[in-house]
C-alpha atoms as a PDB file:
ATOM      1  CA  MET A   1      -3.103 -24.747  21.753  1.00  0.00           C
ATOM      2  CA  LYS A   2      -6.233 -23.773  19.926  1.00  0.00           C
ATOM      3  CA  ARG A   3      -9.045 -26.065  19.301  1.00  0.00           C
ATOM      4  CA  THR A   4      -8.927 -28.087  16.105  1.00  0.00           C
ATOM      5  CA  HIS A   5     -11.100 -29.781  13.615  1.00  0.00           C
ATOM      6  CA  PRO A   6     -10.131 -32.355  11.037  1.00  0.00           C
ATOM      7  CA  GLU A   7     -12.304 -31.170   8.929  1.00  0.00           C
ATOM      8  CA  GLY A   8     -11.914 -27.521  10.182  1.00  0.00           C
ATOM      9  CA  ILE A   9     -10.947 -23.996   7.913  1.00  0.00           C
ATOM     10  CA  ARG A  10      -7.714 -22.005   7.687  1.00  0.00           C
ATOM     11  CA  ALA A  11      -8.701 -18.195   9.258  1.00  0.00           C
ATOM     12  CA  PHE A  12      -7.602 -15.180  10.143  1.00  0.00           C
ATOM     13  CA  ILE A  13      -8.490 -11.946  11.498  1.00  0.00           C
ATOM     14  CA  ALA A  14      -8.134  -8.423   9.595  1.00  0.00           C
ATOM     15  CA  LEU A  15      -9.305  -4.988   8.379  1.00  0.00           C
ATOM     16  CA  ASP A  16     -10.139  -3.863   4.691  1.00  0.00           C
ATOM     17  CA  LEU A  17      -9.246  -1.441   2.360  1.00  0.00           C
ATOM     18  CA  SER A  18     -11.063   0.963   0.617  1.00  0.00           C
ATOM     19  CA  ASN A  19     -10.967   0.726  -2.917  1.00  0.00           C
ATOM     20  CA  GLN A  20      -9.006   3.532  -3.791  1.00  0.00           C
ATOM     21  CA  ALA A  21      -6.209   2.218  -1.349  1.00  0.00           C
ATOM     22  CA  ARG A  22      -6.646  -0.859  -3.543  1.00  0.00           C
ATOM     23  CA  ASP A  23      -6.459   0.787  -6.639  1.00  0.00           C
ATOM     24  CA  THR A  24      -3.263   2.792  -5.067  1.00  0.00           C
ATOM     25  CA  LEU A  25      -1.418  -0.290  -3.952  1.00  0.00           C
ATOM     26  CA  GLU A  26      -1.647  -2.088  -7.602  1.00  0.00           C
ATOM     27  CA  LYS A  27       0.010   0.957  -8.729  1.00  0.00           C
ATOM     28  CA  ILE A  28       2.310   0.663  -6.392  1.00  0.00           C
ATOM     29  CA  GLN A  29       2.673  -3.099  -7.248  1.00  0.00           C
ATOM     30  CA  GLN A  30       3.142  -2.401 -10.827  1.00  0.00           C
ATOM     31  CA  SER A  31       5.873   0.760  -9.974  1.00  0.00           C
ATOM     32  CA  VAL A  32       8.084  -1.983  -7.869  1.00  0.00           C
ATOM     33  CA  ARG A  33       7.581  -5.000 -10.144  1.00  0.00           C
ATOM     34  CA  ARG A  34       9.068  -3.024 -12.765  1.00  0.00           C
ATOM     35  CA  ARG A  35      12.150  -2.579 -10.767  1.00  0.00           C
ATOM     36  CA  THR A  36      12.803  -6.248  -9.943  1.00  0.00           C
ATOM     37  CA  GLY A  37      14.079  -8.949 -12.019  1.00  0.00           C
ATOM     38  CA  PRO A  38      11.485 -10.888 -13.586  1.00  0.00           C
ATOM     39  CA  ASP A  39       9.659 -13.376 -11.648  1.00  0.00           C
ATOM     40  CA  SER A  40      11.618 -13.041  -8.885  1.00  0.00           C
ATOM     41  CA  VAL A  41       8.505 -12.109  -6.729  1.00  0.00           C
ATOM     42  CA  ARG A  42       5.113 -13.782  -6.461  1.00  0.00           C
ATOM     43  CA  TRP A  43       2.822 -10.862  -5.864  1.00  0.00           C
ATOM     44  CA  VAL A  44      -0.465 -10.446  -4.369  1.00  0.00           C
ATOM     45  CA  GLY A  45      -3.469 -10.113  -6.222  1.00  0.00           C
ATOM     46  CA  ARG A  46      -6.122  -7.553  -5.429  1.00  0.00           C
ATOM     47  CA  GLN A  47      -8.671  -8.906  -3.534  1.00  0.00           C
ATOM     48  CA  ALA A  48      -5.914 -10.448  -1.298  1.00  0.00           C
ATOM     49  CA  PHE A  49      -4.796  -7.095   0.241  1.00  0.00           C
ATOM     50  CA  HIS A  50      -5.647  -6.792   3.760  1.00  0.00           C
ATOM     51  CA  LEU A  51      -4.406  -5.747   6.956  1.00  0.00           C
ATOM     52  CA  THR A  52      -3.819  -8.436   9.042  1.00  0.00           C
ATOM     53  CA  LEU A  53      -4.450  -8.524  12.527  1.00  0.00           C
ATOM     54  CA  PHE A  54      -4.158 -12.348  14.123  1.00  0.00           C
ATOM     55  CA  PHE A  55      -3.607 -15.555  11.744  1.00  0.00           C
ATOM     56  CA  LEU A  56      -5.767 -18.281  13.344  1.00  0.00           C
ATOM     57  CA  GLY A  57      -3.781 -20.951  11.500  1.00  0.00           C
ATOM     58  CA  ASP A  58      -5.391 -24.069  10.017  1.00  0.00           C
ATOM     59  CA  ASN A  59      -8.139 -26.640  10.770  1.00  0.00           C
ATOM     60  CA  ASN A  60     -10.630 -24.336  13.096  1.00  0.00           C
ATOM     61  CA  GLY A  61     -13.598 -26.387  13.900  1.00  0.00           C
ATOM     62  CA  PRO A  62     -16.794 -24.873  13.803  1.00  0.00           C
ATOM     63  CA  ASP A  63     -17.553 -24.538  17.836  1.00  0.00           C
ATOM     64  CA  ALA A  64     -13.859 -22.420  18.060  1.00  0.00           C
ATOM     65  CA  ILE A  65     -15.099 -19.959  14.662  1.00  0.00           C
ATOM     66  CA  ALA A  66     -18.848 -19.536  16.311  1.00  0.00           C
ATOM     67  CA  ALA A  67     -17.339 -18.432  19.837  1.00  0.00           C
ATOM     68  CA  LEU A  68     -14.810 -16.010  17.910  1.00  0.00           C
ATOM     69  CA  SER A  69     -17.659 -14.582  16.306  1.00  0.00           C
ATOM     70  CA  ASP A  70     -19.431 -13.768  19.013  1.00  0.00           C
ATOM     71  CA  GLY A  71     -16.986 -12.460  20.834  1.00  0.00           C
ATOM     72  CA  LEU A  72     -15.624 -10.279  18.155  1.00  0.00           C
ATOM     73  CA  ASP A  73     -18.805  -8.135  17.898  1.00  0.00           C
ATOM     74  CA  PRO A  74     -18.640  -6.367  21.551  1.00  0.00           C
ATOM     75  CA  LEU A  75     -14.908  -6.419  21.269  1.00  0.00           C
ATOM     76  CA  ALA A  76     -15.091  -4.169  17.694  1.00  0.00           C
ATOM     77  CA  ALA A  77     -17.764  -1.941  19.628  1.00  0.00           C
ATOM     78  CA  GLY A  78     -15.658  -0.696  22.286  1.00  0.00           C
ATOM     79  CA  HIS A  79     -13.055   0.757  19.706  1.00  0.00           C
ATOM     80  CA  ARG A  80     -13.446   3.519  17.412  1.00  0.00           C
ATOM     81  CA  PRO A  81     -13.369   3.820  13.323  1.00  0.00           C
ATOM     82  CA  LEU A  82      -9.654   4.404  12.070  1.00  0.00           C
ATOM     83  CA  ALA A  83      -8.320   6.793  10.076  1.00  0.00           C
ATOM     84  CA  LEU A  84      -5.702   4.934   8.131  1.00  0.00           C
ATOM     85  CA  GLN A  85      -3.257   5.645   5.170  1.00  0.00           C
ATOM     86  CA  LEU A  86      -0.507   4.234   3.378  1.00  0.00           C
ATOM     87  CA  GLY A  87       3.373   4.455   4.229  1.00  0.00           C
ATOM     88  CA  ALA A  88       6.479   3.499   3.249  1.00  0.00           C
ATOM     89  CA  LEU A  89       7.725   0.289   1.262  1.00  0.00           C
ATOM     90  CA  GLY A  90       9.926  -1.922   2.877  1.00  0.00           C
ATOM     91  CA  CYS A  91      10.414  -5.820   3.147  1.00  0.00           C
ATOM     92  CA  PHE A  92      11.324  -8.777   6.017  1.00  0.00           C
ATOM     93  CA  PRO A  93      13.191  -9.400   6.913  1.00  0.00           C
ATOM     94  CA  THR A  94      16.433  -7.121   5.673  1.00  0.00           C
ATOM     95  CA  PRO A  95      16.669  -5.701   2.162  1.00  0.00           C
ATOM     96  CA  ARG A  96      19.763  -7.815   2.285  1.00  0.00           C
ATOM     97  CA  SER A  97      17.954 -10.951   2.123  1.00  0.00           C
ATOM     98  CA  PRO A  98      14.131 -10.158   1.471  1.00  0.00           C
ATOM     99  CA  LYS A  99      11.395 -12.482   1.878  1.00  0.00           C
ATOM    100  CA  VAL A 100       7.973 -10.168   1.761  1.00  0.00           C
ATOM    101  CA  LEU A 101       7.724  -6.737   0.006  1.00  0.00           C
ATOM    102  CA  TRP A 102       4.948  -4.558   1.719  1.00  0.00           C
ATOM    103  CA  VAL A 103       3.823  -1.116   2.012  1.00  0.00           C
ATOM    104  CA  GLY A 104       3.830   0.440   5.888  1.00  0.00           C
ATOM    105  CA  VAL A 105       0.822   1.937   7.123  1.00  0.00           C
ATOM    106  CA  GLU A 106       0.326   5.097   9.252  1.00  0.00           C
ATOM    107  CA  GLY A 107      -2.314   7.467  10.742  1.00  0.00           C
ATOM    108  CA  ASP A 108      -4.219   6.102  13.919  1.00  0.00           C
ATOM    109  CA  LEU A 109      -1.935   3.790  15.280  1.00  0.00           C
ATOM    110  CA  GLN A 110      -1.964   3.409  18.585  1.00  0.00           C
ATOM    111  CA  PRO A 111      -5.620   2.832  18.410  1.00  0.00           C
ATOM    112  CA  LEU A 112      -4.744   0.149  16.033  1.00  0.00           C
ATOM    113  CA  GLN A 113      -2.132  -1.327  18.343  1.00  0.00           C
ATOM    114  CA  ARG A 114      -4.947  -1.444  21.195  1.00  0.00           C
ATOM    115  CA  LEU A 115      -7.439  -3.017  18.564  1.00  0.00           C
ATOM    116  CA  LYS A 116      -4.643  -5.850  17.898  1.00  0.00           C
ATOM    117  CA  ALA A 117      -4.197  -6.125  21.651  1.00  0.00           C
ATOM    118  CA  ALA A 118      -7.880  -6.529  22.288  1.00  0.00           C
ATOM    119  CA  VAL A 119      -7.961  -9.488  19.480  1.00  0.00           C
ATOM    120  CA  ASP A 120      -4.685 -10.946  20.923  1.00  0.00           C
ATOM    121  CA  ALA A 121      -6.822 -11.432  24.126  1.00  0.00           C
ATOM    122  CA  LEU A 122      -9.597 -12.658  22.931  1.00  0.00           C
ATOM    123  CA  ALA A 123      -7.964 -15.377  20.854  1.00  0.00           C
ATOM    124  CA  ALA A 124      -5.707 -16.276  23.554  1.00  0.00           C
ATOM    125  CA  GLY A 125      -8.826 -16.217  25.739  1.00  0.00           C
ATOM    126  CA  LEU A 126     -10.759 -18.497  23.323  1.00  0.00           C
ATOM    127  CA  GLY A 127      -7.368 -21.174  23.132  1.00  0.00           C
ATOM    128  CA  TRP A 128      -5.277 -19.643  20.277  1.00  0.00           C
ATOM    129  CA  GLU A 129      -1.597 -19.379  20.544  1.00  0.00           C
ATOM    130  CA  PRO A 130      -0.492 -15.835  21.141  1.00  0.00           C
ATOM    131  CA  GLU A 131       1.597 -14.569  18.898  1.00  0.00           C
ATOM    132  CA  LYS A 132       4.929 -13.688  20.050  1.00  0.00           C
ATOM    133  CA  ARG A 133       6.291 -11.153  17.165  1.00  0.00           C
ATOM    134  CA  PRO A 134       5.579  -7.182  17.860  1.00  0.00           C
ATOM    135  CA  TYR A 135       3.061  -5.830  15.689  1.00  0.00           C
ATOM    136  CA  HIS A 136       4.497  -4.356  12.477  1.00  0.00           C
ATOM    137  CA  PRO A 137       0.989  -2.693  10.562  1.00  0.00           C
ATOM    138  CA  HIS A 138       1.912  -3.920   7.015  1.00  0.00           C
ATOM    139  CA  LEU A 139       0.153  -4.662   3.200  1.00  0.00           C
ATOM    140  CA  THR A 140       1.828  -7.697   1.299  1.00  0.00           C
ATOM    141  CA  LEU A 141       2.983  -6.629  -1.757  1.00  0.00           C
ATOM    142  CA  GLY A 142       4.888 -10.132  -2.546  1.00  0.00           C
ATOM    143  CA  ARG A 143       6.526 -12.779  -1.326  1.00  0.00           C
ATOM    144  CA  VAL A 144      10.338 -13.028  -2.905  1.00  0.00           C
ATOM    145  CA  LYS A 145      11.121 -15.991  -4.545  1.00  0.00           C
ATOM    146  CA  ASP A 146      14.451 -14.939  -6.378  1.00  0.00           C
ATOM    147  CA  PRO A 147      16.251 -12.547  -3.924  1.00  0.00           C
ATOM    148  CA  TYR A 148      18.738 -12.050  -6.270  1.00  0.00           C
ATOM    149  CA  GLY A 149      16.195 -10.518  -8.557  1.00  0.00           C
ATOM    150  CA  VAL A 150      15.380  -7.897  -6.112  1.00  0.00           C
ATOM    151  CA  VAL A 151      18.381  -7.387  -3.972  1.00  0.00           C
ATOM    152  CA  ASN A 152      20.207  -6.471  -7.396  1.00  0.00           C
ATOM    153  CA  HIS A 153      17.764  -3.443  -7.914  1.00  0.00           C
ATOM    154  CA  ASP A 154      17.658  -0.752  -6.446  1.00  0.00           C
ATOM    155  CA  LEU A 155      13.840  -0.512  -4.188  1.00  0.00           C
ATOM    156  CA  PRO A 156      13.089   2.699  -2.541  1.00  0.00           C
ATOM    157  CA  TYR A 157      12.825   1.025   1.109  1.00  0.00           C
ATOM    158  CA  GLY A 158      12.060   3.532   3.346  1.00  0.00           C
ATOM    159  CA  GLN A 159       9.953   5.974   0.796  1.00  0.00           C
ATOM    160  CA  PRO A 160       6.303   6.747   0.301  1.00  0.00           C
ATOM    161  CA  LEU A 161       5.674   5.794  -3.506  1.00  0.00           C
ATOM    162  CA  GLU A 162       2.155   6.822  -3.582  1.00  0.00           C
ATOM    163  CA  SER A 163      -0.668   7.408  -0.826  1.00  0.00           C
ATOM    164  CA  ALA A 164      -4.037   6.978  -0.258  1.00  0.00           C
ATOM    165  CA  ALA A 165      -6.364   7.141   3.332  1.00  0.00           C
ATOM    166  CA  TRP A 166      -9.096   5.672   4.438  1.00  0.00           C
ATOM    167  CA  THR A 167     -11.374   4.657   7.609  1.00  0.00           C
ATOM    168  CA  VAL A 168     -11.992   1.037   8.655  1.00  0.00           C
ATOM    169  CA  ASP A 169     -15.295   0.680  10.202  1.00  0.00           C
ATOM    170  CA  ALA A 170     -14.914  -3.093  11.019  1.00  0.00           C
ATOM    171  CA  LEU A 171     -13.276  -6.418  11.835  1.00  0.00           C
ATOM    172  CA  HIS A 172     -13.509  -9.115   9.524  1.00  0.00           C
ATOM    173  CA  LEU A 173     -13.273 -12.631  10.258  1.00  0.00           C
ATOM    174  CA  TYR A 174     -12.092 -14.441   7.154  1.00  0.00           C
ATOM    175  CA  HIS A 175     -11.772 -17.979   5.497  1.00  0.00           C
ATOM    176  CA  SER A 176      -8.780 -18.403   3.239  1.00  0.00           C
ATOM    177  CA  GLN A 177      -9.051 -21.216   0.730  1.00  0.00           C
ATOM    178  CA  LEU A 178      -6.248 -22.495  -0.561  1.00  0.00           C
ATOM    179  CA  GLY A 179      -6.454 -23.440  -4.218  1.00  0.00           C
ATOM    180  CA  ARG A 180      -4.181 -23.792  -7.334  1.00  0.00           C
ATOM    181  CA  GLN A 181      -5.152 -20.203  -8.079  1.00  0.00           C
ATOM    182  CA  GLY A 182      -3.739 -18.992  -4.963  1.00  0.00           C
ATOM    183  CA  ALA A 183      -5.581 -18.273  -1.689  1.00  0.00           C
ATOM    184  CA  ARG A 184      -9.755 -17.368  -1.883  1.00  0.00           C
ATOM    185  CA  TYR A 185     -10.590 -15.010   0.835  1.00  0.00           C
ATOM    186  CA  ILE A 186     -14.469 -15.603   2.119  1.00  0.00           C
ATOM    187  CA  LYS A 187     -15.802 -13.308   4.937  1.00  0.00           C
ATOM    188  CA  ILE A 188     -17.261 -15.586   7.815  1.00  0.00           C
ATOM    189  CA  HIS A 189     -18.085 -12.319  10.164  1.00  0.00           C
ATOM    190  CA  SER A 190     -17.611  -8.917  10.261  1.00  0.00           C
ATOM    191  CA  ALA A 191     -17.499  -6.904  13.495  1.00  0.00           C
ATOM    192  CA  ALA A 192     -18.621  -2.619  13.246  1.00  0.00           C
ATOM    193  CA  LEU A 193     -16.410  -0.572  15.270  1.00  0.00           C
ATOM    194  CA  GLY A 194     -18.280   1.983  17.637  1.00  0.00           C
ATOM    195  CA  GLY A 195     -18.445   5.257  17.805  1.00  0.00           C
ATOM    196  CA  PRO A 196     -18.321   8.328  15.376  1.00  0.00           C
ATOM    197  CA  PRO A 197     -15.888   7.986  11.769  1.00  0.00           C
ATOM    198  CA  PRO A 198     -12.316   9.844  12.857  1.00  0.00           C
ATOM    199  CA  SER A 199     -13.153  13.356  11.277  1.00  0.00           C
END
């Protein structure tokens, strides 16, 4: 059981995108939005585009967050920067019953999986419950409110709509503040990946 605190924070570990990748994701989002029913999806805002590695849950106390921040630095130094790019459109769990619309990620997927496994091990060693589902790297476009407004439209699942490539050079620990206008993400700590960037 992870260490909690009654006045703790909601937090997660993630990788950032370049501005170009965010621009392209917005274009993809707009394209998909035109193909769905009105108000059938709660679309993710630009500032929320990130590649989540580990969701830490709510009520994380300051000691636990400090220990995690300290552990991320040597962990990140042991992994080289990653070359990633946007992939195809997809959904969870199935096109017949979609709950989340997303864009996949391509590129250095094996190094990404190794980085994810190292983050999992660090978090588990500090008391967080390990994630049981296989890791499927993706960037969320929106969460479906009305499945009929999505299922009844011919979305091009499995197809890349537009591409953008970027280099990931750091891990980030985020504080997620929930409010009436949606979530606000604040970086608590950044840990630089070691080694030269991919060519």
